[in-house]
Full PDB file with SEQRES, HELIX, SHEET, SSBOND, CRYST1, ORIGX, SCALE, CONECT and MASTER records, all heavy atoms in Angstrom:
SEQRES   1 A   31  GLY ALA LEU THR PRO SER ALA LEU VAL ASP LEU MET ARG          
SEQRES   2 A   31  ALA TYR GLU ARG VAL LYS ASP GLU ARG ARG GLN LEU ASP          
SEQRES   3 A   31  PHE GLU ASP VAL LEU                                          
HELIX    1 AA1 PRO A    5  GLU A   21  1                                  17    
HELIX    2 AA2 PHE A   27  VAL A   30  1                                   4    
CRYST1    1.000    1.000    1.000  90.00  90.00  90.00 P 1           1          
ORIGX1      1.000000  0.000000  0.000000        0.00000                         
ORIGX2      0.000000  1.000000  0.000000        0.00000                         
ORIGX3      0.000000  0.000000  1.000000        0.00000                         
SCALE1      1.000000  0.000000  0.000000        0.00000                         
SCALE2      0.000000  1.000000  0.000000        0.00000                         
SCALE3      0.000000  0.000000  1.000000        0.00000                         
ATOM      1  N   GLY A   1     -58.898  44.241  90.583  1.00  0.00           N  
ATOM      2  CA  GLY A   1     -59.292  43.865  89.218  1.00  0.00           C  
ATOM      3  C   GLY A   1     -59.284  42.413  89.121  1.00  0.00           C  
ATOM      4  O   GLY A   1     -59.724  41.619  89.960  1.00  0.00           O  
ATOM      5  N   ALA A   2     -58.536  41.945  88.013  1.00  0.00           N  
ATOM      6  CA  ALA A   2     -58.496  40.467  87.855  1.00  0.00           C  
ATOM      7  C   ALA A   2     -57.320  39.851  88.499  1.00  0.00           C  
ATOM      8  O   ALA A   2     -57.152  38.599  88.435  1.00  0.00           O  
ATOM      9  CB  ALA A   2     -58.323  40.222  86.347  1.00  0.00           C  
ATOM     10  N   LEU A   3     -56.537  40.700  89.189  1.00  0.00           N  
ATOM     11  CA  LEU A   3     -55.388  40.103  89.973  1.00  0.00           C  
ATOM     12  C   LEU A   3     -55.837  39.507  91.331  1.00  0.00           C  
ATOM     13  O   LEU A   3     -56.481  40.047  92.087  1.00  0.00           O  
ATOM     14  CB  LEU A   3     -54.394  41.238  90.295  1.00  0.00           C  
ATOM     15  CG  LEU A   3     -53.702  41.888  89.137  1.00  0.00           C  
ATOM     16  CD1 LEU A   3     -52.770  42.983  89.582  1.00  0.00           C  
ATOM     17  CD2 LEU A   3     -52.752  40.827  88.490  1.00  0.00           C  
ATOM     18  N   THR A   4     -55.608  38.220  91.427  1.00  0.00           N  
ATOM     19  CA  THR A   4     -55.832  37.525  92.701  1.00  0.00           C  
ATOM     20  C   THR A   4     -55.022  38.037  93.857  1.00  0.00           C  
ATOM     21  O   THR A   4     -53.920  38.612  93.568  1.00  0.00           O  
ATOM     22  CB  THR A   4     -55.689  36.060  92.576  1.00  0.00           C  
ATOM     23  OG1 THR A   4     -54.333  35.717  92.391  1.00  0.00           O  
ATOM     24  CG2 THR A   4     -56.553  35.452  91.461  1.00  0.00           C  
ATOM     25  N   PRO A   5     -55.343  37.811  95.074  1.00  0.00           N  
ATOM     26  CA  PRO A   5     -54.370  38.203  96.208  1.00  0.00           C  
ATOM     27  C   PRO A   5     -53.022  37.664  96.072  1.00  0.00           C  
ATOM     28  O   PRO A   5     -52.168  38.433  96.256  1.00  0.00           O  
ATOM     29  CB  PRO A   5     -55.167  37.659  97.432  1.00  0.00           C  
ATOM     30  CG  PRO A   5     -56.615  37.549  97.102  1.00  0.00           C  
ATOM     31  CD  PRO A   5     -56.598  37.282  95.586  1.00  0.00           C  
ATOM     32  N   SER A   6     -52.889  36.479  95.628  1.00  0.00           N  
ATOM     33  CA  SER A   6     -51.416  35.894  95.423  1.00  0.00           C  
ATOM     34  C   SER A   6     -50.737  36.629  94.363  1.00  0.00           C  
ATOM     35  O   SER A   6     -49.528  37.002  94.413  1.00  0.00           O  
ATOM     36  CB  SER A   6     -51.498  34.435  95.276  1.00  0.00           C  
ATOM     37  OG  SER A   6     -52.212  34.047  94.057  1.00  0.00           O  
ATOM     38  N   ALA A   7     -51.507  36.904  93.178  1.00  0.00           N  
ATOM     39  CA  ALA A   7     -50.751  37.583  92.084  1.00  0.00           C  
ATOM     40  C   ALA A   7     -50.529  38.946  92.439  1.00  0.00           C  
ATOM     41  O   ALA A   7     -49.432  39.519  91.988  1.00  0.00           O  
ATOM     42  CB  ALA A   7     -51.781  37.489  90.821  1.00  0.00           C  
ATOM     43  N   LEU A   8     -51.316  39.680  93.195  1.00  0.00           N  
ATOM     44  CA  LEU A   8     -51.047  41.032  93.550  1.00  0.00           C  
ATOM     45  C   LEU A   8     -49.831  41.122  94.555  1.00  0.00           C  
ATOM     46  O   LEU A   8     -48.995  41.954  94.261  1.00  0.00           O  
ATOM     47  CB  LEU A   8     -52.264  41.559  94.406  1.00  0.00           C  
ATOM     48  CG  LEU A   8     -52.200  42.912  94.965  1.00  0.00           C  
ATOM     49  CD1 LEU A   8     -51.852  43.968  93.885  1.00  0.00           C  
ATOM     50  CD2 LEU A   8     -53.508  43.316  95.742  1.00  0.00           C  
ATOM     51  N   VAL A   9     -49.681  40.149  95.382  1.00  0.00           N  
ATOM     52  CA  VAL A   9     -48.521  40.179  96.262  1.00  0.00           C  
ATOM     53  C   VAL A   9     -47.243  39.826  95.519  1.00  0.00           C  
ATOM     54  O   VAL A   9     -46.165  40.446  95.721  1.00  0.00           O  
ATOM     55  CB  VAL A   9     -48.711  39.178  97.397  1.00  0.00           C  
ATOM     56  CG1 VAL A   9     -47.446  38.892  98.132  1.00  0.00           C  
ATOM     57  CG2 VAL A   9     -49.775  39.600  98.365  1.00  0.00           C  
ATOM     58  N   ASP A  10     -47.376  38.859  94.490  1.00  0.00           N  
ATOM     59  CA  ASP A  10     -46.143  38.583  93.694  1.00  0.00           C  
ATOM     60  C   ASP A  10     -45.776  39.883  92.876  1.00  0.00           C  
ATOM     61  O   ASP A  10     -44.639  40.081  92.698  1.00  0.00           O  
ATOM     62  CB  ASP A  10     -46.558  37.533  92.706  1.00  0.00           C  
ATOM     63  CG  ASP A  10     -46.603  36.110  93.344  1.00  0.00           C  
ATOM     64  OD1 ASP A  10     -46.160  36.017  94.524  1.00  0.00           O  
ATOM     65  OD2 ASP A  10     -47.267  35.199  92.737  1.00  0.00           O  
ATOM     66  N   LEU A  11     -46.788  40.603  92.345  1.00  0.00           N  
ATOM     67  CA  LEU A  11     -46.461  41.790  91.589  1.00  0.00           C  
ATOM     68  C   LEU A  11     -45.787  42.849  92.530  1.00  0.00           C  
ATOM     69  O   LEU A  11     -44.830  43.591  92.000  1.00  0.00           O  
ATOM     70  CB  LEU A  11     -47.746  42.441  90.928  1.00  0.00           C  
ATOM     71  CG  LEU A  11     -47.575  43.608  90.118  1.00  0.00           C  
ATOM     72  CD1 LEU A  11     -46.547  43.526  89.073  1.00  0.00           C  
ATOM     73  CD2 LEU A  11     -48.889  43.998  89.486  1.00  0.00           C  
ATOM     74  N   MET A  12     -46.262  43.037  93.722  1.00  0.00           N  
ATOM     75  CA  MET A  12     -45.642  43.977  94.635  1.00  0.00           C  
ATOM     76  C   MET A  12     -44.201  43.582  94.934  1.00  0.00           C  
ATOM     77  O   MET A  12     -43.321  44.423  94.863  1.00  0.00           O  
ATOM     78  CB  MET A  12     -46.442  43.945  95.942  1.00  0.00           C  
ATOM     79  CG  MET A  12     -47.694  44.675  95.952  1.00  0.00           C  
ATOM     80  SD  MET A  12     -48.407  44.878  97.603  1.00  0.00           S  
ATOM     81  CE  MET A  12     -49.809  45.912  97.195  1.00  0.00           C  
ATOM     82  N   ARG A  13     -43.910  42.265  95.068  1.00  0.00           N  
ATOM     83  CA  ARG A  13     -42.531  41.872  95.308  1.00  0.00           C  
ATOM     84  C   ARG A  13     -41.749  42.081  94.030  1.00  0.00           C  
ATOM     85  O   ARG A  13     -40.557  42.539  94.138  1.00  0.00           O  
ATOM     86  CB  ARG A  13     -42.493  40.392  95.602  1.00  0.00           C  
ATOM     87  CG  ARG A  13     -43.047  40.095  97.100  1.00  0.00           C  
ATOM     88  CD  ARG A  13     -42.649  38.744  97.613  1.00  0.00           C  
ATOM     89  NE  ARG A  13     -43.110  38.507  99.028  1.00  0.00           N  
ATOM     90  CZ  ARG A  13     -44.025  37.862  99.421  1.00  0.00           C  
ATOM     91  NH1 ARG A  13     -44.831  37.220  98.615  1.00  0.00           N  
ATOM     92  NH2 ARG A  13     -44.275  37.690 100.714  1.00  0.00           N  
ATOM     93  N   ALA A  14     -42.214  41.741  92.875  1.00  0.00           N  
ATOM     94  CA  ALA A  14     -41.450  42.030  91.666  1.00  0.00           C  
ATOM     95  C   ALA A  14     -41.204  43.546  91.487  1.00  0.00           C  
ATOM     96  O   ALA A  14     -40.097  43.918  91.043  1.00  0.00           O  
ATOM     97  CB  ALA A  14     -42.276  41.431  90.475  1.00  0.00           C  
ATOM     98  N   TYR A  15     -42.106  44.372  91.801  1.00  0.00           N  
ATOM     99  CA  TYR A  15     -41.997  45.800  91.664  1.00  0.00           C  
ATOM    100  C   TYR A  15     -40.793  46.289  92.511  1.00  0.00           C  
ATOM    101  O   TYR A  15     -39.967  47.097  92.090  1.00  0.00           O  
ATOM    102  CB  TYR A  15     -43.245  46.512  92.140  1.00  0.00           C  
ATOM    103  CG  TYR A  15     -43.135  48.036  92.398  1.00  0.00           C  
ATOM    104  CD1 TYR A  15     -43.141  48.886  91.425  1.00  0.00           C  
ATOM    105  CD2 TYR A  15     -43.018  48.466  93.669  1.00  0.00           C  
ATOM    106  CE1 TYR A  15     -43.101  50.281  91.607  1.00  0.00           C  
ATOM    107  CE2 TYR A  15     -42.938  49.856  93.918  1.00  0.00           C  
ATOM    108  CZ  TYR A  15     -42.960  50.683  92.931  1.00  0.00           C  
ATOM    109  OH  TYR A  15     -42.831  52.045  93.219  1.00  0.00           O  
ATOM    110  N   GLU A  16     -40.640  45.773  93.823  1.00  0.00           N  
ATOM    111  CA  GLU A  16     -39.592  46.120  94.699  1.00  0.00           C  
ATOM    112  C   GLU A  16     -38.295  45.615  94.154  1.00  0.00           C  
ATOM    113  O   GLU A  16     -37.285  46.390  94.234  1.00  0.00           O  
ATOM    114  CB  GLU A  16     -39.859  45.553  96.099  1.00  0.00           C  
ATOM    115  CG  GLU A  16     -41.058  46.119  96.768  1.00  0.00           C  
ATOM    116  CD  GLU A  16     -41.056  47.632  97.072  1.00  0.00           C  
ATOM    117  OE1 GLU A  16     -39.945  48.106  97.253  1.00  0.00           O  
ATOM    118  OE2 GLU A  16     -42.161  48.270  97.016  1.00  0.00           O  
ATOM    119  N   ARG A  17     -38.269  44.410  93.469  1.00  0.00           N  
ATOM    120  CA  ARG A  17     -37.095  43.964  93.008  1.00  0.00           C  
ATOM    121  C   ARG A  17     -36.600  44.839  91.843  1.00  0.00           C  
ATOM    122  O   ARG A  17     -35.298  45.189  91.756  1.00  0.00           O  
ATOM    123  CB  ARG A  17     -37.190  42.531  92.469  1.00  0.00           C  
ATOM    124  CG  ARG A  17     -37.266  41.479  93.576  1.00  0.00           C  
ATOM    125  CD  ARG A  17     -37.031  40.058  92.890  1.00  0.00           C  
ATOM    126  NE  ARG A  17     -38.082  39.692  92.044  1.00  0.00           N  
ATOM    127  CZ  ARG A  17     -39.233  39.125  92.327  1.00  0.00           C  
ATOM    128  NH1 ARG A  17     -39.514  38.862  93.641  1.00  0.00           N  
ATOM    129  NH2 ARG A  17     -40.109  38.818  91.374  1.00  0.00           N  
ATOM    130  N   VAL A  18     -37.435  45.150  90.931  1.00  0.00           N  
ATOM    131  CA  VAL A  18     -37.019  46.019  89.800  1.00  0.00           C  
ATOM    132  C   VAL A  18     -36.578  47.386  90.306  1.00  0.00           C  
ATOM    133  O   VAL A  18     -35.550  47.877  89.755  1.00  0.00           O  
ATOM    134  CB  VAL A  18     -38.276  46.168  88.829  1.00  0.00           C  
ATOM    135  CG1 VAL A  18     -37.896  47.134  87.745  1.00  0.00           C  
ATOM    136  CG2 VAL A  18     -38.596  44.893  88.179  1.00  0.00           C  
ATOM    137  N   LYS A  19     -37.206  47.903  91.222  1.00  0.00           N  
ATOM    138  CA  LYS A  19     -36.847  49.191  91.771  1.00  0.00           C  
ATOM    139  C   LYS A  19     -35.437  49.150  92.453  1.00  0.00           C  
ATOM    140  O   LYS A  19     -34.667  50.081  92.229  1.00  0.00           O  
ATOM    141  CB  LYS A  19     -37.927  49.661  92.846  1.00  0.00           C  
ATOM    142  CG  LYS A  19     -37.701  50.993  93.335  1.00  0.00           C  
ATOM    143  CD  LYS A  19     -38.990  51.549  94.006  1.00  0.00           C  
ATOM    144  CE  LYS A  19     -39.568  50.616  95.005  1.00  0.00           C  
ATOM    145  NZ  LYS A  19     -38.715  50.446  96.198  1.00  0.00           N  
ATOM    146  N   ASP A  20     -35.194  48.152  93.174  1.00  0.00           N  
ATOM    147  CA  ASP A  20     -33.882  47.976  93.845  1.00  0.00           C  
ATOM    148  C   ASP A  20     -32.820  47.757  92.807  1.00  0.00           C  
ATOM    149  O   ASP A  20     -31.699  48.278  93.039  1.00  0.00           O  
ATOM    150  CB  ASP A  20     -33.950  46.777  94.770  1.00  0.00           C  
ATOM    151  CG  ASP A  20     -34.759  46.970  96.048  1.00  0.00           C  
ATOM    152  OD1 ASP A  20     -35.106  48.217  96.263  1.00  0.00           O  
ATOM    153  OD2 ASP A  20     -35.113  46.054  96.745  1.00  0.00           O  
ATOM    154  N   GLU A  21     -33.163  46.993  91.784  1.00  0.00           N  
ATOM    155  CA  GLU A  21     -32.109  46.833  90.683  1.00  0.00           C  
ATOM    156  C   GLU A  21     -31.674  48.071  90.007  1.00  0.00           C  
ATOM    157  O   GLU A  21     -30.529  48.312  89.510  1.00  0.00           O  
ATOM    158  CB  GLU A  21     -32.602  45.858  89.622  1.00  0.00           C  
ATOM    159  CG  GLU A  21     -32.681  44.344  90.138  1.00  0.00           C  
ATOM    160  CD  GLU A  21     -33.570  43.569  89.177  1.00  0.00           C  
ATOM    161  OE1 GLU A  21     -33.967  44.074  88.157  1.00  0.00           O  
ATOM    162  OE2 GLU A  21     -33.779  42.306  89.473  1.00  0.00           O  
ATOM    163  N   ARG A  22     -32.702  49.007  89.932  1.00  0.00           N  
ATOM    164  CA  ARG A  22     -32.403  50.336  89.247  1.00  0.00           C  
ATOM    165  C   ARG A  22     -31.903  51.409  90.318  1.00  0.00           C  
ATOM    166  O   ARG A  22     -31.715  52.481  89.942  1.00  0.00           O  
ATOM    167  CB  ARG A  22     -33.781  50.817  88.666  1.00  0.00           C  
ATOM    168  CG  ARG A  22     -34.163  49.842  87.537  1.00  0.00           C  
ATOM    169  CD  ARG A  22     -35.427  50.479  86.886  1.00  0.00           C  
ATOM    170  NE  ARG A  22     -35.969  49.634  85.770  1.00  0.00           N  
ATOM    171  CZ  ARG A  22     -36.882  49.965  84.979  1.00  0.00           C  
ATOM    172  NH1 ARG A  22     -37.559  51.081  85.088  1.00  0.00           N  
ATOM    173  NH2 ARG A  22     -37.296  49.093  83.957  1.00  0.00           N  
ATOM    174  N   ARG A  23     -31.755  50.950  91.486  1.00  0.00           N  
ATOM    175  CA  ARG A  23     -31.323  51.884  92.516  1.00  0.00           C  
ATOM    176  C   ARG A  23     -32.271  53.104  92.657  1.00  0.00           C  
ATOM    177  O   ARG A  23     -31.783  54.288  92.567  1.00  0.00           O  
ATOM    178  CB  ARG A  23     -29.868  52.383  92.424  1.00  0.00           C  
ATOM    179  CG  ARG A  23     -28.818  51.212  92.668  1.00  0.00           C  
ATOM    180  CD  ARG A  23     -27.427  51.750  92.865  1.00  0.00           C  
ATOM    181  NE  ARG A  23     -27.298  52.399  94.089  1.00  0.00           N  
ATOM    182  CZ  ARG A  23     -27.223  53.730  94.276  1.00  0.00           C  
ATOM    183  NH1 ARG A  23     -27.324  54.618  93.199  1.00  0.00           N  
ATOM    184  NH2 ARG A  23     -27.019  54.211  95.467  1.00  0.00           N  
ATOM    185  N   GLN A  24     -33.446  52.808  92.821  1.00  0.00           N  
ATOM    186  CA  GLN A  24     -34.509  53.891  92.805  1.00  0.00           C  
ATOM    187  C   GLN A  24     -35.305  53.787  94.097  1.00  0.00           C  
ATOM    188  O   GLN A  24     -35.444  52.758  94.655  1.00  0.00           O  
ATOM    189  CB  GLN A  24     -35.402  53.834  91.574  1.00  0.00           C  
ATOM    190  CG  GLN A  24     -34.753  54.216  90.335  1.00  0.00           C  
ATOM    191  CD  GLN A  24     -35.739  54.289  89.204  1.00  0.00           C  
ATOM    192  OE1 GLN A  24     -36.466  53.392  88.933  1.00  0.00           O  
ATOM    193  NE2 GLN A  24     -35.841  55.423  88.448  1.00  0.00           N  
ATOM    194  N   LEU A  25     -35.841  54.960  94.465  1.00  0.00           N  
ATOM    195  CA  LEU A  25     -36.822  55.033  95.498  1.00  0.00           C  
ATOM    196  C   LEU A  25     -38.182  55.626  95.001  1.00  0.00           C  
ATOM    197  O   LEU A  25     -38.134  56.453  94.212  1.00  0.00           O  
ATOM    198  CB  LEU A  25     -36.387  55.997  96.692  1.00  0.00           C  
ATOM    199  CG  LEU A  25     -35.025  55.656  97.426  1.00  0.00           C  
ATOM    200  CD1 LEU A  25     -34.734  56.717  98.380  1.00  0.00           C  
ATOM    201  CD2 LEU A  25     -35.230  54.317  98.097  1.00  0.00           C  
ATOM    202  N   ASP A  26     -39.300  55.083  95.455  1.00  0.00           N  
ATOM    203  CA  ASP A  26     -40.547  55.674  95.084  1.00  0.00           C  
ATOM    204  C   ASP A  26     -40.909  56.762  96.109  1.00  0.00           C  
ATOM    205  O   ASP A  26     -40.214  56.960  97.151  1.00  0.00           O  
ATOM    206  CB  ASP A  26     -41.636  54.695  94.768  1.00  0.00           C  
ATOM    207  CG  ASP A  26     -42.031  53.816  96.005  1.00  0.00           C  
ATOM    208  OD1 ASP A  26     -41.781  54.374  97.172  1.00  0.00           O  
ATOM    209  OD2 ASP A  26     -42.510  52.786  95.826  1.00  0.00           O  
ATOM    210  N   PHE A  27     -41.989  57.505  95.901  1.00  0.00           N  
ATOM    211  CA  PHE A  27     -42.400  58.563  96.782  1.00  0.00           C  
ATOM    212  C   PHE A  27     -42.512  58.189  98.274  1.00  0.00           C  
ATOM    213  O   PHE A  27     -42.044  58.850  99.147  1.00  0.00           O  
ATOM    214  CB  PHE A  27     -43.800  59.048  96.259  1.00  0.00           C  
ATOM    215  CG  PHE A  27     -44.168  60.436  96.619  1.00  0.00           C  
ATOM    216  CD1 PHE A  27     -43.290  61.496  96.224  1.00  0.00           C  
ATOM    217  CD2 PHE A  27     -45.340  60.736  97.312  1.00  0.00           C  
ATOM    218  CE1 PHE A  27     -43.624  62.832  96.512  1.00  0.00           C  
ATOM    219  CE2 PHE A  27     -45.609  62.114  97.559  1.00  0.00           C  
ATOM    220  CZ  PHE A  27     -44.828  63.120  97.173  1.00  0.00           C  
ATOM    221  N   GLU A  28     -43.101  57.026  98.544  1.00  0.00           N  
ATOM    222  CA  GLU A  28     -43.222  56.515  99.903  1.00  0.00           C  
ATOM    223  C   GLU A  28     -41.888  56.073 100.472  1.00  0.00           C  
ATOM    224  O   GLU A  28     -41.646  56.181 101.639  1.00  0.00           O  
ATOM    225  CB  GLU A  28     -44.261  55.438  99.940  1.00  0.00           C  
ATOM    226  CG  GLU A  28     -45.698  55.864  99.628  1.00  0.00           C  
ATOM    227  CD  GLU A  28     -45.835  56.294  98.245  1.00  0.00           C  
ATOM    228  OE1 GLU A  28     -45.323  55.537  97.291  1.00  0.00           O  
ATOM    229  OE2 GLU A  28     -46.576  57.301  97.958  1.00  0.00           O  
ATOM    230  N   ASP A  29     -41.098  55.519  99.655  1.00  0.00           N  
ATOM    231  CA  ASP A  29     -39.717  55.094 100.060  1.00  0.00           C  
ATOM    232  C   ASP A  29     -38.887  56.280 100.679  1.00  0.00           C  
ATOM    233  O   ASP A  29     -38.044  56.027 101.485  1.00  0.00           O  
ATOM    234  CB  ASP A  29     -38.945  54.442  98.975  1.00  0.00           C  
ATOM    235  CG  ASP A  29     -39.443  53.102  98.524  1.00  0.00           C  
ATOM    236  OD1 ASP A  29     -40.048  52.336  99.388  1.00  0.00           O  
ATOM    237  OD2 ASP A  29     -39.249  52.651  97.349  1.00  0.00           O  
ATOM    238  N   VAL A  30     -39.145  57.390 100.132  1.00  0.00           N  
ATOM    239  CA  VAL A  30     -38.471  58.575 100.618  1.00  0.00           C  
ATOM    240  C   VAL A  30     -38.621  58.769 102.114  1.00  0.00           C  
ATOM    241  O   VAL A  30     -37.728  58.943 102.875  1.00  0.00           O  
ATOM    242  CB  VAL A  30     -38.802  59.892  99.836  1.00  0.00           C  
ATOM    243  CG1 VAL A  30     -38.277  61.157 100.463  1.00  0.00           C  
ATOM    244  CG2 VAL A  30     -38.429  59.814  98.338  1.00  0.00           C  
ATOM    245  N   LEU A  31     -39.964  58.641 102.500  1.00  0.00           N  
ATOM    246  CA  LEU A  31     -40.158  58.695 103.975  1.00  0.00           C  
ATOM    247  C   LEU A  31     -39.649  57.449 104.756  1.00  0.00           C  
ATOM    248  O   LEU A  31     -39.024  57.659 105.855  1.00  0.00           O  
ATOM    249  CB  LEU A  31     -41.665  58.811 104.274  1.00  0.00           C  
ATOM    250  CG  LEU A  31     -42.482  59.915 103.623  1.00  0.00           C  
ATOM    251  CD1 LEU A  31     -43.930  59.965 104.039  1.00  0.00           C  
ATOM    252  CD2 LEU A  31     -41.797  61.252 103.867  1.00  0.00           C  
TER     253      LEU A  31                                                      
MASTER        0    0    0    2    0    0    0    6  252    1    0    3          
END                                                                             
């Protein structure tokens, strides 16, 4: 969409940080 490649990568990293802070795994993390 409107997310540039750098913004998309930043969002992916932020997603992983939030997930780790909450001690959670997503569907793919399970594998």
